[in-house]
Protein backbone atom coordinates (compact mmCIF):
# COMPACT_ATOMS: atom_id res chain seq x y z
CA MET A 1 192.98 169.95 43.45
CA ASP A 2 195.44 170.86 46.56
CA LEU A 3 197.69 168.25 46.79
CA GLY A 4 199.14 169.59 50.12
CA LEU A 5 203.00 170.02 48.79
CA LYS A 6 203.33 174.03 49.35
CA ASN A 7 206.64 174.44 50.58
CA LYS A 8 208.05 170.96 50.26
CA ASN A 9 211.46 171.00 48.88
CA ALA A 10 212.31 168.58 45.65
CA LEU A 11 215.39 167.74 43.87
CA ILE A 12 214.79 166.25 40.25
CA THR A 13 217.60 164.77 38.55
CA GLY A 14 217.72 165.20 35.16
CA GLY A 15 215.41 168.08 35.73
CA SER A 16 216.03 170.44 32.74
CA ARG A 17 213.67 169.14 30.15
CA GLY A 18 211.92 166.23 28.96
CA LEU A 19 210.43 163.86 31.90
CA GLY A 20 212.08 165.83 34.62
CA LEU A 21 211.08 169.41 33.62
CA SER A 22 207.54 168.38 33.43
CA SER A 23 207.88 166.72 37.09
CA ALA A 24 209.64 170.16 38.08
CA ILE A 25 206.32 172.02 36.49
CA SER A 26 203.71 169.95 38.32
CA LEU A 27 205.51 170.30 41.55
CA ALA A 28 206.06 173.85 41.20
CA LYS A 29 202.20 174.32 40.42
CA GLU A 30 201.97 172.93 43.98
CA GLY A 31 204.18 175.24 45.60
CA VAL A 32 207.05 172.68 45.96
CA ASN A 33 210.45 174.84 45.93
CA LEU A 34 213.11 172.96 43.44
CA HIS A 35 216.48 171.70 43.14
CA ILE A 36 216.92 170.60 39.34
CA CYS A 37 220.28 169.37 38.23
CA ALA A 38 221.67 168.65 34.57
CA ARG A 39 224.80 168.43 32.36
CA SER A 40 224.01 171.33 29.97
CA ARG A 41 224.10 174.90 31.50
CA GLU A 42 222.09 176.35 28.72
CA ASP A 43 218.98 173.65 29.34
CA LEU A 44 219.12 174.73 33.31
CA LEU A 45 218.76 178.45 32.59
CA LYS A 46 215.89 178.06 30.23
CA ALA A 47 213.93 175.67 32.49
CA LYS A 48 214.52 178.32 35.47
CA LYS A 49 213.30 180.95 33.26
CA MET A 50 210.24 178.61 32.63
CA LEU A 51 209.52 177.69 36.39
CA SER A 52 210.01 181.29 37.40
CA LYS A 53 206.21 181.88 36.97
CA PHE A 54 205.46 179.79 39.73
CA LYS A 55 207.09 181.73 42.44
CA VAL A 56 208.91 178.95 43.96
CA LYS A 57 212.68 178.82 44.85
CA VAL A 58 214.50 176.94 42.14
CA GLN A 59 218.29 176.02 42.62
CA LEU A 60 220.34 174.67 39.54
CA SER A 61 223.45 172.37 39.66
CA GLU A 62 225.52 171.88 36.35
CA ILE A 63 226.46 168.35 37.14
CA ASP A 64 227.22 165.01 35.55
CA LEU A 65 225.94 161.96 37.89
CA SER A 66 227.68 159.02 36.59
CA SER A 67 230.43 159.40 39.49
CA GLU A 68 230.01 158.88 43.36
CA ASN A 69 231.90 162.51 43.81
CA SER A 70 229.55 164.44 41.76
CA ILE A 71 226.39 162.72 43.52
CA GLN A 72 228.07 163.79 47.05
CA ASN A 73 228.28 167.12 45.49
CA LEU A 74 224.65 167.31 44.60
CA TYR A 75 223.54 165.74 48.22
CA ASP A 76 225.51 168.94 49.67
CA GLN A 77 224.75 171.66 47.61
CA SER A 78 220.78 170.44 48.12
CA LEU A 79 221.19 170.79 51.60
CA ILE A 80 223.39 174.42 51.70
CA GLU A 81 220.24 175.78 49.92
CA PHE A 82 216.99 173.96 51.63
CA GLN A 83 218.49 172.27 54.60
CA LYS A 84 216.33 169.39 53.57
CA ILE A 85 215.08 167.37 50.86
CA ASP A 86 211.40 165.82 50.90
CA ILE A 87 210.64 164.93 47.31
CA LEU A 88 213.40 162.84 45.43
CA VAL A 89 212.66 162.40 41.77
CA ASN A 90 215.26 160.25 40.21
CA ASN A 91 214.90 160.91 36.65
CA VAL A 92 218.22 160.71 34.94
CA GLY A 93 219.08 158.09 32.80
CA GLY A 94 219.27 156.70 29.16
CA SER A 95 220.65 154.00 26.96
CA LEU A 96 223.84 155.78 26.02
CA GLY A 97 223.66 154.22 22.74
CA THR A 98 223.74 150.68 23.62
CA LYS A 99 222.10 147.66 22.08
CA SER A 100 222.48 143.77 22.68
CA LEU A 101 224.15 142.33 25.43
CA ILE A 102 226.61 140.50 22.64
CA SER A 103 227.39 143.79 20.92
CA SER A 104 227.59 145.84 24.37
CA SER A 105 231.05 145.71 26.67
CA ILE A 106 231.35 145.21 30.39
CA GLU A 107 232.20 149.05 30.42
CA ASP A 108 228.92 149.89 28.39
CA PHE A 109 226.85 147.84 31.10
CA GLN A 110 228.81 149.75 33.81
CA LYS A 111 227.84 153.22 32.50
CA VAL A 112 224.40 152.67 31.72
CA MET A 113 224.10 151.01 35.28
CA ASP A 114 226.01 154.15 36.82
CA ILE A 115 223.41 156.68 35.49
CA ASN A 116 220.50 154.63 35.69
CA THR A 117 220.63 152.73 38.49
CA TRP A 118 223.37 153.52 40.96
CA ALA A 119 222.84 157.41 40.87
CA ALA A 120 219.29 156.76 42.10
CA ILE A 121 220.53 154.25 45.08
CA ARG A 122 223.27 156.45 46.20
CA LEU A 123 221.05 159.59 46.21
CA THR A 124 218.26 157.57 48.05
CA LYS A 125 220.76 156.17 50.73
CA LEU A 126 221.92 159.73 51.38
CA PHE A 127 218.71 161.45 51.16
CA THR A 128 216.26 158.96 53.13
CA PRO A 129 217.83 159.20 56.77
CA ILE A 130 216.53 162.87 57.23
CA MET A 131 213.22 162.02 55.48
CA ILE A 132 212.97 158.98 58.14
CA GLN A 133 213.68 161.49 60.84
CA ASN A 134 211.27 164.14 59.80
CA LYS A 135 208.63 161.12 59.37
CA TRP A 136 207.80 162.39 55.93
CA GLY A 137 209.48 161.71 52.65
CA ARG A 138 208.89 161.00 48.85
CA VAL A 139 211.43 158.70 46.45
CA ILE A 140 209.98 158.53 43.40
CA ASN A 141 211.81 156.92 40.49
CA ILE A 142 211.51 157.16 36.67
CA ALA A 143 211.99 153.84 35.10
CA SER A 144 210.37 152.33 31.90
CA ILE A 145 207.98 149.71 30.69
CA TYR A 146 211.19 148.28 29.29
CA GLY A 147 212.33 147.48 32.95
CA ARG A 148 209.32 145.18 33.07
CA GLU A 149 209.27 143.72 29.19
CA LEU A 150 211.29 143.18 26.32
CA GLY A 151 212.29 146.55 24.74
CA GLY A 152 215.26 149.15 24.31
CA SER A 153 218.77 147.73 24.93
CA ALA A 154 220.20 145.07 27.20
CA PRO A 155 221.75 147.45 29.30
CA TYR A 156 219.06 149.59 29.87
CA MET A 157 216.52 146.77 30.25
CA ALA A 158 218.52 145.53 33.16
CA ALA A 159 219.35 148.82 34.71
CA LYS A 160 215.65 149.62 34.84
CA ALA A 161 214.76 146.05 36.40
CA ALA A 162 217.07 146.48 38.97
CA LEU A 163 215.59 149.91 39.73
CA ILE A 164 212.45 148.78 39.88
CA ALA A 165 213.25 146.05 42.13
CA ALA A 166 215.32 147.96 44.56
CA THR A 167 212.41 150.47 44.86
CA LYS A 168 210.26 147.64 45.92
CA HIS A 169 212.33 146.33 48.51
CA THR A 170 213.10 149.95 49.89
CA ALA A 171 209.38 151.09 50.10
CA ILE A 172 208.65 147.96 52.35
CA ASP A 173 212.09 148.59 54.30
CA LEU A 174 210.70 152.10 54.97
CA ALA A 175 206.75 151.15 55.02
CA LYS A 176 206.44 152.46 59.05
CA THR A 177 208.27 155.54 58.82
CA GLY A 178 206.22 158.15 56.85
CA VAL A 179 208.34 157.56 53.66
CA THR A 180 207.42 156.28 50.33
CA ALA A 181 209.06 154.69 47.50
CA ASN A 182 207.60 153.98 44.06
CA CYS A 183 208.20 153.92 40.48
CA ILE A 184 206.66 155.24 37.25
CA ALA A 185 207.40 153.41 34.09
CA PRO A 186 206.84 155.66 31.38
CA GLY A 187 206.39 154.24 27.66
CA SER A 188 207.04 156.12 24.33
CA ILE A 189 207.12 159.70 25.38
CA LYS A 190 208.20 162.22 22.82
CA HIS A 191 209.43 165.46 23.94
CA GLU A 192 212.30 167.90 22.91
CA LYS A 193 215.95 166.49 22.49
CA GLY A 194 214.56 162.94 23.54
CA SER A 195 215.29 159.65 22.18
CA TRP A 196 211.58 159.34 20.36
CA GLU A 197 211.88 162.72 18.82
CA LYS A 198 215.10 161.60 17.77
CA PHE A 199 213.68 158.41 16.28
CA VAL A 200 211.02 160.38 14.63
CA SER A 201 213.52 163.11 13.15
CA SER A 202 215.64 160.66 11.73
CA SER A 203 213.19 157.89 10.66
CA SER A 204 211.22 157.66 7.60
CA LYS A 205 207.51 158.54 7.83
CA GLU A 206 206.48 154.90 6.90
CA ALA A 207 208.95 153.59 9.79
CA VAL A 208 207.31 156.26 12.07
CA ASP A 209 203.68 155.29 11.15
CA ASP A 210 204.26 151.61 11.38
CA PHE A 211 205.83 151.99 14.89
CA ILE A 212 202.69 153.76 16.10
CA LYS A 213 200.41 151.41 14.46
CA ASN A 214 202.14 148.44 15.86
CA ASN A 215 203.04 149.93 19.42
CA LEU A 216 200.92 152.87 20.53
CA PRO A 217 197.35 152.03 20.98
CA MET A 218 196.58 155.67 21.31
CA GLY A 219 197.75 156.28 17.79
CA LYS A 220 200.50 158.69 19.12
CA PHE A 221 203.36 159.28 21.31
CA GLY A 222 202.78 160.03 24.99
CA TYR A 223 203.52 163.63 26.24
CA PRO A 224 205.85 164.40 29.15
CA GLU A 225 202.93 166.18 31.28
CA ALA A 226 201.29 163.07 31.92
CA VAL A 227 204.62 161.72 33.74
CA GLY A 228 204.90 164.97 35.51
CA ASP A 229 201.36 164.92 37.01
CA THR A 230 202.02 161.38 38.39
CA VAL A 231 204.98 162.59 40.03
CA ALA A 232 203.10 165.05 41.97
CA PHE A 233 200.62 162.71 42.69
CA LEU A 234 202.86 160.19 44.26
CA ALA A 235 204.23 162.98 46.26
CA SER A 236 201.21 164.07 47.50
CA ASN A 237 199.40 162.63 50.88
CA ASN A 238 196.63 161.24 48.86
CA ALA A 239 199.18 158.47 47.73
CA ARG A 240 200.48 157.62 50.97
CA MET A 241 199.16 154.33 51.03
CA ILE A 242 200.85 153.59 47.73
CA LEU A 243 204.13 151.77 48.45
CA GLY A 244 206.57 150.04 46.27
CA THR A 245 204.52 150.12 43.22
CA CYS A 246 205.30 150.88 39.61
CA LEU A 247 202.98 152.64 37.66
CA ASN A 248 202.74 152.48 33.81
CA VAL A 249 202.32 156.11 32.05
CA ASP A 250 202.43 154.50 28.42
CA GLY A 251 198.86 155.10 27.02
CA GLY A 252 198.41 151.23 27.08
CA GLN A 253 201.65 150.31 25.24
CA SER A 254 202.96 147.99 27.81
CA ASN A 255 202.05 144.21 27.20
CA SER A 256 202.75 143.03 30.63
CA LEU A 257 199.90 142.59 32.71
CA PHE A 258 201.62 143.44 36.30
């Protein structure tokens, strides 16, 4: 299916591997030019090599999005290369080793909020004015099922829940502009250098089997391509009436009805 995205421009944060790279690949298949950012130059170059076969423009930025200055720099770099960004995929995130509210310091909470929530909010505020001017744009935020129900660390849950709430409000605010905003809530997706791969490699077979049996109805971990394809769909005109939603991509893992 042609999703009508050829020659659009996308920025994907955390785009060098995992869910971000799968999002980049799915968009590249549709002819979307890409700006991907990450902290590792090695991972970025590896990703660019993978994306080169799709014959789209690929811009790289080695950057840490935990500060406001770096976010402004990323915005400036995007406009130098592409003049405009049509599709913003806020994917960068993580729990940063945090656990409970009691054991996490206020600084821990701030760091997790900075990378999961504030980076997305700041980038959305920077890029949406041009989208509104062009009467077309897509903001796609990668949240988590743990932003909707119990799971993961307290700072991570709070950060993802805040991201989902902010996305809903933004979508309604932009509903008449041609710009949509939505979230995707992945479940336990296993990919290279990801947290679930680390869990599998550092845990006993019995512990992994028990987790799969008790939490994953499909009997296996999810795969990042499913998230990437959902990103491409939400970016398309086929999804123009989908506003402010949060789509689970979790193989039935979530216990929440909504």
